[in-house]
Protein backbone atom coordinates (compact mmCIF):
# COMPACT_ATOMS: atom_id res chain seq x y z
CA MET A 1 0.02 0.00 -0.03
CA ILE A 2 2.78 2.41 0.93
CA ALA A 3 4.71 1.50 -2.21
CA HIS A 4 1.62 2.11 -4.31
CA LEU A 5 1.17 5.57 -2.78
CA LYS A 6 4.82 6.42 -3.46
CA VAL A 7 4.39 5.45 -7.11
CA ASP A 8 1.30 7.61 -7.47
CA ASP A 9 3.04 10.53 -5.80
CA THR A 10 5.99 10.22 -8.13
CA LYS A 11 3.72 10.11 -11.20
CA ARG A 12 1.88 13.17 -9.95
CA LYS A 13 5.14 15.15 -9.46
CA PHE A 14 6.34 14.09 -12.88
CA VAL A 15 3.09 15.24 -14.55
CA MET A 16 3.10 18.54 -12.68
CA LYS A 17 6.72 19.17 -13.61
CA LYS A 18 6.05 18.36 -17.24
CA THR A 19 2.98 20.60 -17.34
CA LYS A 20 4.92 23.47 -15.78
CA LYS A 21 7.68 23.05 -18.38
CA ASP A 22 5.13 23.09 -21.19
CA VAL A 23 3.57 26.30 -19.86
CA GLU A 24 6.92 27.96 -19.66
CA GLU A 25 7.82 26.95 -23.25
CA THR A 26 4.45 28.23 -24.41
CA THR A 27 4.95 31.53 -22.63
CA VAL A 28 8.36 32.00 -24.10
CA SER A 29 7.27 31.03 -27.62
CA ASP A 30 4.47 33.66 -27.77
CA GLY A 31 6.92 36.40 -26.92
CA SER A 32 5.42 37.46 -23.56
CA ARG A 33 8.69 36.73 -21.75
CA ALA A 34 10.98 38.11 -24.45
CA ILE A 35 11.87 41.09 -22.28
CA ASN A 36 13.79 38.67 -20.02
CA LYS A 37 16.20 38.01 -22.89
CA PHE A 38 17.34 41.61 -23.35
CA ARG A 39 20.59 41.56 -25.25
CA VAL A 40 23.26 44.06 -26.29
CA SER A 41 21.90 44.06 -29.84
CA ASP A 42 18.51 45.20 -28.50
CA ALA A 43 20.14 48.09 -26.72
CA VAL A 44 22.06 49.10 -29.87
CA MET A 45 18.85 48.99 -31.94
CA MET A 46 16.99 51.05 -29.34
CA ILE A 47 19.79 53.68 -29.36
CA ILE A 48 19.79 53.89 -33.17
CA ILE A 49 15.99 54.23 -33.31
CA THR A 50 16.07 56.90 -30.63
CA LEU A 51 18.71 58.87 -32.50
CA LEU A 52 16.70 58.65 -35.75
CA CYS A 53 13.57 59.87 -33.96
CA LEU A 54 15.51 62.81 -32.47
CA THR A 55 16.79 63.81 -35.90
CA CYS A 56 13.14 64.27 -36.94
CA ILE A 57 11.78 65.77 -33.73
CA LEU A 58 14.49 68.18 -32.62
CA PRO A 59 14.58 70.31 -35.84
CA PHE A 60 10.83 70.64 -35.60
CA LEU A 61 10.94 71.70 -31.98
CA HIS A 62 13.74 74.16 -32.79
CA LEU A 63 11.67 75.82 -35.50
CA ALA A 64 8.58 75.88 -33.30
CA ALA A 65 10.53 77.59 -30.53
CA LYS A 66 12.04 80.20 -32.88
CA SER A 67 8.66 80.99 -34.43
CA ILE A 68 7.23 82.20 -31.05
CA SER A 69 10.39 83.73 -29.61
CA SER A 70 11.40 87.41 -29.68
CA ASN A 71 13.61 88.77 -32.40
CA SER A 72 16.37 89.71 -29.95
CA MET A 73 16.64 86.21 -28.46
CA VAL A 74 16.73 84.60 -31.89
CA LEU A 75 19.38 86.99 -33.21
CA ALA A 76 21.43 86.33 -30.04
CA LYS A 77 21.31 82.55 -30.80
CA GLN A 78 19.79 81.80 -27.41
CA VAL A 79 16.75 79.84 -28.61
CA TYR A 80 17.19 76.11 -28.97
CA PHE A 81 14.27 73.87 -28.05
CA TRP A 82 12.34 76.15 -25.70
CA PRO A 83 10.91 79.60 -26.64
CA LYS A 84 12.21 82.74 -24.88
CA GLU A 85 10.27 85.96 -24.51
CA ILE A 86 7.23 84.47 -26.19
CA THR A 87 5.62 86.57 -28.85
CA PHE A 88 3.33 85.87 -31.79
CA ASP A 89 4.34 88.77 -33.99
CA ALA A 90 5.52 86.48 -36.77
CA TYR A 91 2.17 84.68 -36.92
CA ALA A 92 0.44 88.07 -36.82
CA SER A 93 2.40 88.97 -39.91
CA ILE A 94 1.20 85.84 -41.67
CA PHE A 95 -2.49 86.23 -40.84
CA SER A 96 -2.45 89.96 -41.49
CA ASP A 97 -1.10 89.31 -44.96
CA GLY A 98 -4.09 88.41 -47.08
CA SER A 99 -2.08 86.82 -49.88
CA MET A 100 -0.48 84.23 -47.60
CA VAL A 101 -3.87 83.08 -46.19
CA LYS A 102 -5.36 82.95 -49.68
CA SER A 103 -2.47 80.91 -50.87
CA MET A 104 -2.99 78.51 -48.00
CA VAL A 105 -6.68 78.02 -48.86
CA TYR A 106 -5.84 77.66 -52.52
CA SER A 107 -3.12 75.07 -51.74
CA VAL A 108 -5.55 73.04 -49.66
CA PHE A 109 -8.10 73.05 -52.49
CA VAL A 110 -5.52 72.08 -55.14
CA THR A 111 -4.15 69.32 -52.92
CA LEU A 112 -7.58 67.85 -52.23
CA LEU A 113 -8.59 67.96 -55.93
CA PHE A 114 -5.25 66.54 -57.03
CA THR A 115 -5.52 63.66 -54.57
CA LEU A 116 -9.07 62.84 -55.60
CA LEU A 117 -8.37 62.84 -59.32
CA GLY A 118 -5.11 60.98 -58.79
CA MET A 119 -6.77 58.17 -56.87
CA MET A 120 -9.49 57.90 -59.51
CA VAL A 121 -6.90 57.62 -62.34
CA CYS A 122 -4.73 55.23 -60.37
CA THR A 123 -7.69 52.93 -59.50
CA CYS A 124 -9.01 52.93 -63.04
CA ALA A 125 -5.54 51.86 -64.32
CA ALA A 126 -4.69 49.34 -61.57
CA TYR A 127 -7.93 47.36 -61.32
CA PRO A 128 -8.25 46.22 -64.94
CA LEU A 129 -4.53 45.38 -65.19
CA SER A 130 -4.80 43.20 -62.04
CA LYS A 131 -7.25 40.84 -63.76
CA LYS A 132 -5.80 37.87 -65.61
CA ARG A 133 -8.82 37.69 -67.91
CA ILE A 134 -7.88 40.98 -69.55
CA LYS A 135 -6.17 40.26 -72.91
CA GLY A 136 -3.03 42.25 -73.68
CA ARG A 137 -2.63 43.42 -70.06
CA TYR A 138 1.10 42.99 -70.16
CA ILE A 139 1.39 45.37 -73.08
CA PHE A 140 -0.75 47.97 -71.42
CA THR A 141 1.22 47.53 -68.18
CA PHE A 142 4.44 48.19 -70.05
CA LEU A 143 3.10 51.26 -71.74
CA LEU A 144 1.84 52.66 -68.44
CA MET A 145 5.06 51.88 -66.56
CA PHE A 146 7.42 53.17 -69.23
CA PRO A 147 7.07 56.87 -68.22
CA MET A 148 8.43 56.02 -64.74
CA TYR A 149 11.90 55.41 -66.22
CA PHE A 150 12.17 58.15 -68.79
CA GLY A 151 11.20 61.82 -69.00
CA ALA A 152 11.30 64.38 -71.80
CA GLY A 153 12.86 67.15 -69.66
CA LEU A 154 11.83 70.62 -68.60
CA ILE A 155 11.86 72.46 -71.93
CA PRO A 156 9.70 69.95 -73.86
CA SER A 157 7.34 69.80 -70.89
CA TYR A 158 7.05 73.56 -70.84
CA LEU A 159 6.34 73.66 -74.61
CA LEU A 160 3.70 70.91 -74.20
CA MET A 161 1.93 72.86 -71.45
CA LYS A 162 2.04 75.95 -73.62
CA ASP A 163 0.49 74.15 -76.59
CA LEU A 164 -2.22 72.73 -74.30
CA HIS A 165 -2.96 76.24 -72.97
CA LEU A 166 -2.33 75.11 -69.40
CA LEU A 167 0.21 77.70 -68.48
CA ASP A 168 -0.73 80.07 -65.69
CA THR A 169 -3.79 78.02 -64.76
CA MET A 170 -4.68 75.82 -61.81
CA TRP A 171 -4.83 72.71 -63.99
CA VAL A 172 -1.14 72.81 -64.85
CA LEU A 173 -0.55 71.88 -61.17
CA ILE A 174 -3.01 68.96 -61.29
CA LEU A 175 -3.33 67.23 -64.66
CA PRO A 176 0.33 66.42 -65.52
CA LEU A 177 0.94 64.57 -62.27
CA ILE A 178 -2.28 62.85 -61.40
CA TYR A 179 -1.09 59.57 -62.94
CA SER A 180 1.80 58.01 -61.03
CA PRO A 181 3.20 54.72 -62.43
CA TYR A 182 4.69 53.85 -59.03
CA ASN A 183 1.38 54.30 -57.20
CA MET A 184 -0.41 52.32 -59.94
CA LEU A 185 2.05 49.47 -59.51
CA ILE A 186 1.54 49.36 -55.75
CA MET A 187 -2.27 49.32 -56.05
CA LYS A 188 -2.15 46.66 -58.81
CA THR A 189 0.02 44.44 -56.62
CA TYR A 190 -2.38 44.90 -53.71
CA PHE A 191 -5.41 43.95 -55.78
CA GLN A 192 -3.65 40.79 -57.07
CA GLY A 193 -2.44 39.65 -53.69
CA SER A 194 -5.19 40.71 -51.26
CA ILE A 195 -8.51 40.42 -53.14
CA PRO A 196 -9.52 36.74 -53.64
CA ASP A 197 -10.76 35.90 -57.16
CA SER A 198 -13.54 33.79 -55.60
CA LEU A 199 -15.25 36.95 -54.34
CA GLU A 200 -15.48 38.42 -57.82
CA GLU A 201 -16.53 35.11 -59.31
CA SER A 202 -19.37 34.85 -56.78
CA ALA A 203 -20.44 38.41 -57.59
CA PHE A 204 -20.41 37.65 -61.34
CA LEU A 205 -22.67 34.64 -60.71
CA ASP A 206 -25.10 36.88 -58.89
CA GLY A 207 -25.20 39.23 -61.85
CA ALA A 208 -22.95 42.02 -60.62
CA SER A 209 -21.15 44.17 -63.20
CA ASN A 210 -17.41 45.19 -63.06
CA ILE A 211 -18.35 48.66 -61.75
CA GLN A 212 -20.49 47.13 -58.97
CA ILE A 213 -17.72 44.73 -58.04
CA LEU A 214 -15.21 47.55 -57.90
CA PHE A 215 -17.28 49.87 -55.69
CA LYS A 216 -19.03 47.31 -53.48
CA ILE A 217 -16.32 44.60 -53.02
CA VAL A 218 -12.86 45.68 -54.06
CA LEU A 219 -12.66 49.25 -52.77
CA PRO A 220 -14.24 48.51 -49.32
CA LEU A 221 -11.60 45.79 -48.86
CA SER A 222 -8.76 48.12 -49.97
CA LYS A 223 -8.90 50.83 -47.33
CA PRO A 224 -5.23 50.45 -46.28
CA ILE A 225 -3.86 50.92 -49.80
CA LEU A 226 -6.34 53.72 -50.56
CA ALA A 227 -5.28 55.61 -47.44
CA THR A 228 -1.63 55.04 -48.13
CA LEU A 229 -1.64 56.20 -51.73
CA SER A 230 -3.90 59.14 -50.82
CA LEU A 231 -1.27 60.22 -48.30
CA PHE A 232 1.43 59.80 -50.96
CA TYR A 233 -0.50 62.00 -53.41
CA ALA A 234 -1.39 64.65 -50.85
CA VAL A 235 2.11 65.00 -49.34
CA GLY A 236 3.74 64.99 -52.79
CA ARG A 237 1.49 67.79 -54.05
CA TRP A 238 1.71 69.71 -50.80
CA ASN A 239 5.51 69.77 -50.74
CA ALA A 240 6.06 70.41 -54.46
CA TYR A 241 6.73 73.90 -55.77
CA ALA A 242 9.01 73.44 -58.83
CA ASP A 243 6.10 73.25 -61.29
CA ASN A 244 4.54 76.28 -59.62
CA LYS A 245 7.81 78.14 -60.23
CA TYR A 246 8.06 77.19 -63.88
CA TYR A 247 4.46 77.35 -65.10
CA ILE A 248 2.77 79.98 -62.93
CA LYS A 249 3.16 83.76 -63.15
CA SER A 250 -0.05 85.12 -61.61
CA GLU A 251 0.06 85.73 -57.86
CA GLY A 252 -3.45 84.23 -57.47
CA PHE A 253 -2.30 80.83 -58.67
CA LYS A 254 0.83 80.53 -56.57
CA MET A 255 0.69 77.88 -53.87
CA VAL A 256 1.85 78.58 -50.33
CA GLN A 257 4.93 76.37 -50.72
CA TYR A 258 6.27 78.47 -53.56
CA LYS A 259 5.59 81.65 -51.61
CA LEU A 260 7.46 80.15 -48.70
CA SER A 261 10.41 79.49 -51.05
CA GLN A 262 10.31 83.08 -52.30
CA LEU A 263 10.19 84.33 -48.69
CA VAL A 264 13.19 82.29 -47.69
CA SER A 265 15.15 83.50 -50.74
CA SER A 266 14.37 87.14 -50.25
CA ALA A 267 14.91 87.02 -46.48
CA SER A 268 18.37 85.62 -46.88
CA GLU A 269 19.33 88.77 -48.78
CA ALA A 270 17.93 91.25 -46.29
CA GLN A 271 18.10 92.05 -42.61
CA THR A 272 14.35 92.22 -42.22
CA ALA A 273 11.63 90.51 -44.23
CA THR A 274 7.95 91.18 -44.80
CA LEU A 275 5.38 88.95 -46.45
CA SER A 276 3.94 91.74 -48.60
CA GLU A 277 3.45 95.49 -48.68
CA ALA A 278 0.06 95.05 -47.05
CA SER A 279 1.58 93.45 -43.96
CA ALA A 280 2.38 96.04 -41.28
CA VAL A 281 4.21 93.71 -38.92
CA THR A 282 7.84 92.92 -39.64
CA SER A 283 10.08 90.27 -38.16
CA THR A 284 13.63 89.15 -38.56
CA PRO A 285 14.17 86.71 -41.40
CA GLU A 286 14.82 83.71 -39.10
CA VAL A 287 11.66 84.20 -37.02
CA LEU A 288 9.51 84.79 -40.10
CA GLN A 289 10.90 81.81 -41.92
CA ALA A 290 10.28 79.55 -38.88
CA ALA A 291 6.70 80.82 -38.53
CA CYS A 292 5.96 80.27 -42.22
CA ILE A 293 7.44 76.77 -42.14
CA MET A 294 5.25 75.88 -39.16
CA PHE A 295 2.28 77.42 -40.91
CA VAL A 296 2.80 75.19 -43.96
CA THR A 297 3.76 71.97 -42.07
CA ILE A 298 1.06 71.85 -39.42
CA PRO A 299 -1.83 70.79 -41.78
CA ILE A 300 -0.03 67.67 -42.87
CA ILE A 301 0.97 66.85 -39.30
CA CYS A 302 -2.68 67.10 -38.23
CA ILE A 303 -3.81 64.72 -41.00
CA TYR A 304 -1.16 62.03 -40.63
CA PRO A 305 -2.27 60.54 -37.25
CA PHE A 306 -5.69 59.66 -38.63
CA LEU A 307 -4.14 57.73 -41.56
CA GLN A 308 -1.22 56.20 -39.69
CA LYS A 309 -2.72 52.73 -39.13
CA TYR A 310 -3.67 52.44 -42.84
CA PHE A 311 -0.28 53.81 -43.83
CA VAL A 312 1.58 51.13 -41.90
CA LYS A 313 -0.59 48.37 -43.43
CA GLY A 314 -0.13 49.78 -46.93
CA THR A 315 3.66 50.06 -46.71
CA MET A 316 3.86 46.41 -45.55
CA ILE A 317 2.39 45.16 -48.88
CA GLY A 318 4.62 42.41 -50.19
CA ALA A 319 6.77 42.32 -47.06
CA VAL A 320 5.10 39.14 -45.77
CA LYS A 321 4.18 36.39 -48.18
CA GLY A 322 1.57 33.75 -47.46
């Protein structure tokens, strides 16, 4: 009897020990105890990531501090990452200047229209080319991707815009760039890898047309890539000013980015800078430049957090297979 109890007790301890070991292995395998295996390589990666983040954050904080600091403190080089003698004279100059505010509103309108038309063109090109049933899709794909590798140059482009009567109009900032071969390729790859053919086949059997499938099945399942490419289009148009410089002469059609470029160029040649003759408040070039940069950058910074989760998903397309 005693021997039998000892055998049962030994079995019980063995089972409990084995169960405890399995639980520990499971806990380690799912990554919940990975923090206990902190290595030197992890510390190095954390340091590198921290330094990269600081290279993006510190310049922005420096500009923000300068934009609301007094002229004397900025000229004395005493403003780094915290404002001194806080004043909003530079922002008063911006808002008192009607042309700068109008350019901001105009830039927002052009960016929204450019993004909308760009996404429409990109979708209309990517969706048909992602279908294997389309005959000659490789030829069309080659023709649409060819402009990504070659360009005619500035002078032929200027002559083309002149012949099309697009110079000094809003459309010269929108129509030439709404089609992006790179964005089309990303969307085409997403449609091919993320939208099952069985969904479309089922919809065809139910009598749905291609337009209905696109708007009711494909696009609702493609929110990550739509948000990502919309952000690409919006940021690209918002930051660009070269075409505005070459094709636009009228003040009413100049975007705020080009006006900022003009302001920086003129301020670097003078001791004081003003936005226009209508602006009564003047600031030193450094303060005014910092305020204008913040004025132009803040809209994109406000939009990005709402699209971040889709942006991360979209940029991971093709990174994981299976």
